Protein backbone atom coordinates (compact mmCIF):
# COMPACT_ATOMS: atom_id res chain seq x y z
CA MET A 1 -47.40 64.61 39.72
CA THR A 2 -45.10 63.54 36.88
CA GLU A 3 -41.57 64.91 37.02
CA ARG A 4 -40.57 67.07 34.02
CA LYS A 5 -37.92 65.56 31.81
CA THR A 6 -34.91 67.43 30.49
CA VAL A 7 -34.24 67.60 26.75
CA GLU A 8 -31.43 65.10 27.27
CA GLN A 9 -33.92 62.67 28.83
CA LEU A 10 -36.53 63.22 26.11
CA TYR A 11 -34.21 63.12 23.12
CA ARG A 12 -31.92 60.09 22.96
CA GLY A 13 -30.33 60.37 19.51
CA THR A 14 -26.81 59.09 19.06
CA HIS A 15 -25.64 60.80 15.85
CA PRO A 16 -23.84 64.13 16.43
CA LEU A 17 -25.80 66.97 14.83
CA GLU A 18 -22.58 68.66 13.68
CA GLU A 19 -21.88 65.56 11.54
CA ALA A 20 -25.32 65.62 9.88
CA THR A 21 -25.38 64.95 6.15
CA ILE A 22 -28.15 65.78 3.71
CA GLY A 23 -30.03 62.54 3.06
CA ASP A 24 -29.62 61.10 6.57
CA GLN A 25 -32.61 58.81 7.18
CA LEU A 26 -34.12 59.71 10.54
CA GLY A 27 -36.16 56.55 10.93
CA SER A 28 -39.87 56.14 11.55
CA LEU A 29 -42.42 56.66 14.28
CA ASP A 30 -45.76 54.82 14.49
CA PHE A 31 -48.62 56.46 16.35
CA VAL A 32 -52.38 56.45 16.89
CA ILE A 33 -53.94 59.66 18.15
CA SER A 34 -56.63 59.30 20.79
CA ALA A 35 -59.63 61.49 21.51
CA ALA A 36 -58.10 62.36 24.90
CA GLN A 37 -54.94 63.67 23.23
CA ILE A 38 -56.96 65.87 20.89
CA GLU A 39 -59.01 67.22 23.78
CA ARG A 40 -55.88 68.03 25.76
CA ASN A 41 -54.37 69.72 22.69
CA ALA A 42 -57.58 71.75 22.18
CA TRP A 43 -57.34 72.95 25.77
CA ALA A 44 -53.62 73.81 25.41
CA ASN A 45 -54.22 75.80 22.22
CA ASP A 46 -57.65 77.15 23.19
CA ASP A 47 -58.95 75.76 19.89
CA TYR A 48 -62.28 73.99 20.29
CA ASN A 49 -63.25 73.76 16.63
CA PRO A 50 -66.23 71.38 16.35
CA TRP A 51 -64.36 69.40 13.67
CA TYR A 52 -61.84 68.39 16.37
CA MET A 53 -64.31 68.04 19.21
CA ASP A 54 -67.48 66.59 17.67
CA ASP A 55 -67.67 65.76 13.96
CA SER A 56 -66.43 67.03 10.60
CA PRO A 57 -67.56 66.85 6.98
CA PHE A 58 -64.77 64.27 6.51
CA GLY A 59 -66.53 61.43 8.30
CA GLY A 60 -65.58 61.85 11.93
CA ARG A 61 -63.39 63.93 14.20
CA ILE A 62 -60.17 65.14 12.63
CA ILE A 63 -56.83 66.12 14.11
CA THR A 64 -55.90 69.78 14.48
CA PRO A 65 -53.08 70.72 12.07
CA VAL A 66 -50.66 71.75 14.81
CA PHE A 67 -50.97 68.52 16.79
CA LEU A 68 -48.11 66.76 15.02
CA ALA A 69 -45.67 69.62 15.67
CA SER A 70 -43.94 67.69 18.46
CA PHE A 71 -43.83 64.34 16.66
CA ASP A 72 -41.22 65.52 14.15
CA ALA A 73 -38.98 66.79 16.96
CA THR A 74 -39.21 63.37 18.55
CA LEU A 75 -38.15 61.73 15.28
CA PHE A 76 -35.38 64.29 14.63
CA TYR A 77 -33.84 63.96 18.08
CA ALA A 78 -34.33 60.21 18.25
CA TYR A 79 -31.69 60.16 15.48
CA TYR A 80 -29.50 63.18 16.30
CA ALA A 81 -28.05 63.82 19.74
CA TYR A 82 -29.36 67.01 21.27
CA PRO A 83 -26.58 69.58 20.76
CA PRO A 84 -24.67 70.76 23.86
CA GLY A 85 -25.42 74.42 23.05
CA GLY A 86 -29.12 73.68 22.57
CA SER A 87 -31.22 74.31 19.48
CA LEU A 88 -34.01 76.58 18.34
CA PHE A 89 -37.19 75.81 16.49
CA ALA A 90 -36.87 78.00 13.38
CA LYS A 91 -39.67 77.07 10.98
CA GLN A 92 -42.31 74.47 10.28
CA GLU A 93 -44.55 73.78 7.28
CA PHE A 94 -47.50 71.40 6.93
CA GLU A 95 -49.11 70.04 3.77
CA TYR A 96 -52.22 68.02 4.49
CA LEU A 97 -53.23 65.73 1.62
CA VAL A 98 -56.23 64.31 3.50
CA PRO A 99 -57.51 65.02 7.04
CA LEU A 100 -55.99 62.86 9.77
CA LYS A 101 -58.52 61.06 11.93
CA ILE A 102 -58.60 59.98 15.53
CA GLY A 103 -57.97 56.27 16.05
CA THR A 104 -56.15 55.63 12.76
CA LYS A 105 -52.62 54.21 12.78
CA TYR A 106 -50.07 56.50 11.10
CA THR A 107 -46.35 56.27 10.40
CA MET A 108 -44.05 59.27 10.18
CA THR A 109 -40.73 58.88 8.35
CA GLY A 110 -38.12 61.54 7.82
CA ALA A 111 -34.85 62.50 6.22
CA LEU A 112 -32.53 65.48 6.44
CA ALA A 113 -33.34 67.59 3.37
CA ASP A 114 -31.04 70.60 3.70
CA ILE A 115 -28.33 72.24 5.79
CA TYR A 116 -27.38 75.91 5.59
CA ARG A 117 -25.73 78.62 7.67
CA ARG A 118 -26.99 82.06 8.51
CA ARG A 119 -26.07 84.62 11.16
CA GLY A 120 -23.83 82.37 13.22
CA ARG A 121 -26.10 79.33 13.27
CA THR A 122 -26.45 76.16 11.25
CA PHE A 123 -29.98 75.34 10.08
CA TYR A 124 -31.09 71.73 9.59
CA VAL A 125 -34.21 71.07 7.51
CA ALA A 126 -35.95 67.74 8.06
CA ALA A 127 -38.60 66.55 5.60
CA MET A 128 -41.28 64.25 7.02
CA SER A 129 -43.92 62.10 5.36
CA ILE A 130 -46.93 60.66 7.18
CA THR A 131 -48.70 57.61 5.78
CA ASP A 132 -51.82 55.84 6.98
CA GLN A 133 -52.15 52.14 7.80
CA ASP A 134 -52.68 51.36 4.08
CA GLY A 135 -49.44 53.12 3.10
CA THR A 136 -51.16 56.14 1.55
CA GLU A 137 -49.33 59.42 2.11
CA VAL A 138 -51.68 61.72 4.03
CA MET A 139 -49.38 64.56 5.02
CA ARG A 140 -45.98 66.13 4.39
CA MET A 141 -44.20 68.45 6.73
CA SER A 142 -40.84 70.05 7.24
CA LYS A 143 -39.15 71.32 10.35
CA THR A 144 -36.14 73.60 10.52
CA VAL A 145 -33.94 73.49 13.60
CA ALA A 146 -31.14 76.01 14.25
CA ALA A 147 -28.08 75.41 16.42
CA PRO A 148 -26.47 76.65 18.52
CA VAL A 149 -28.84 78.82 20.52
CA ARG A 150 -26.16 81.47 20.95
CA PRO A 151 -24.77 82.38 17.51
CA VAL A 152 -21.07 81.90 16.90
CA ASP A 153 -18.79 84.41 15.23
CA GLU A 154 -18.72 83.18 11.63
CA ALA A 155 -15.27 84.67 11.01
CA THR A 156 -13.66 82.43 13.66
CA ALA A 157 -15.96 79.38 13.62
CA ALA A 158 -14.60 76.06 12.43
CA PRO A 159 -16.61 74.58 9.54
CA SER A 160 -19.10 71.88 10.48
CA GLY A 161 -21.56 69.80 8.52
CA ALA A 162 -20.03 68.19 5.45
CA ASP A 163 -22.94 69.08 3.17
CA VAL A 164 -23.17 72.77 4.01
CA THR A 165 -22.58 74.43 0.68
CA GLU A 166 -24.36 77.76 0.89
CA THR A 167 -25.26 80.53 3.23
CA ARG A 168 -28.80 81.87 2.91
CA GLU A 169 -29.38 85.54 3.62
């Protein structure tokens, strides 16, 4: 049996999250999704749509929309160090431009798009773009991460994040 890894073992970023600046380039991640990965994901989500398991009107099996949900976290925390107080997944949005297919090489790139504070936490919004092997953009997504897990008292907290200019309510 494989030993479970801690977040510190999984996420090896070196840039402190509290020093994040809007526009930070998070890098890129190349990947090819296999049939076995899709089948495992279908089992985990109890989603056996025939388009993922057999065939689709798009010329082959396609990838379930939620499959890439962990890839952006990998990219985000490959750049930023996991914060000592932990972080929370706050929001995620997907915009598929064309269906993603099994066996195709894709590249995900990302940048920090926004930073804001609310209720004792700082929220970091990463914007991701996924392109296929020909360089055509096939998907856009955003992920919002909140830190710390336990909110801080805003009246006594020291400011962090140079680009934080607003508080959203």
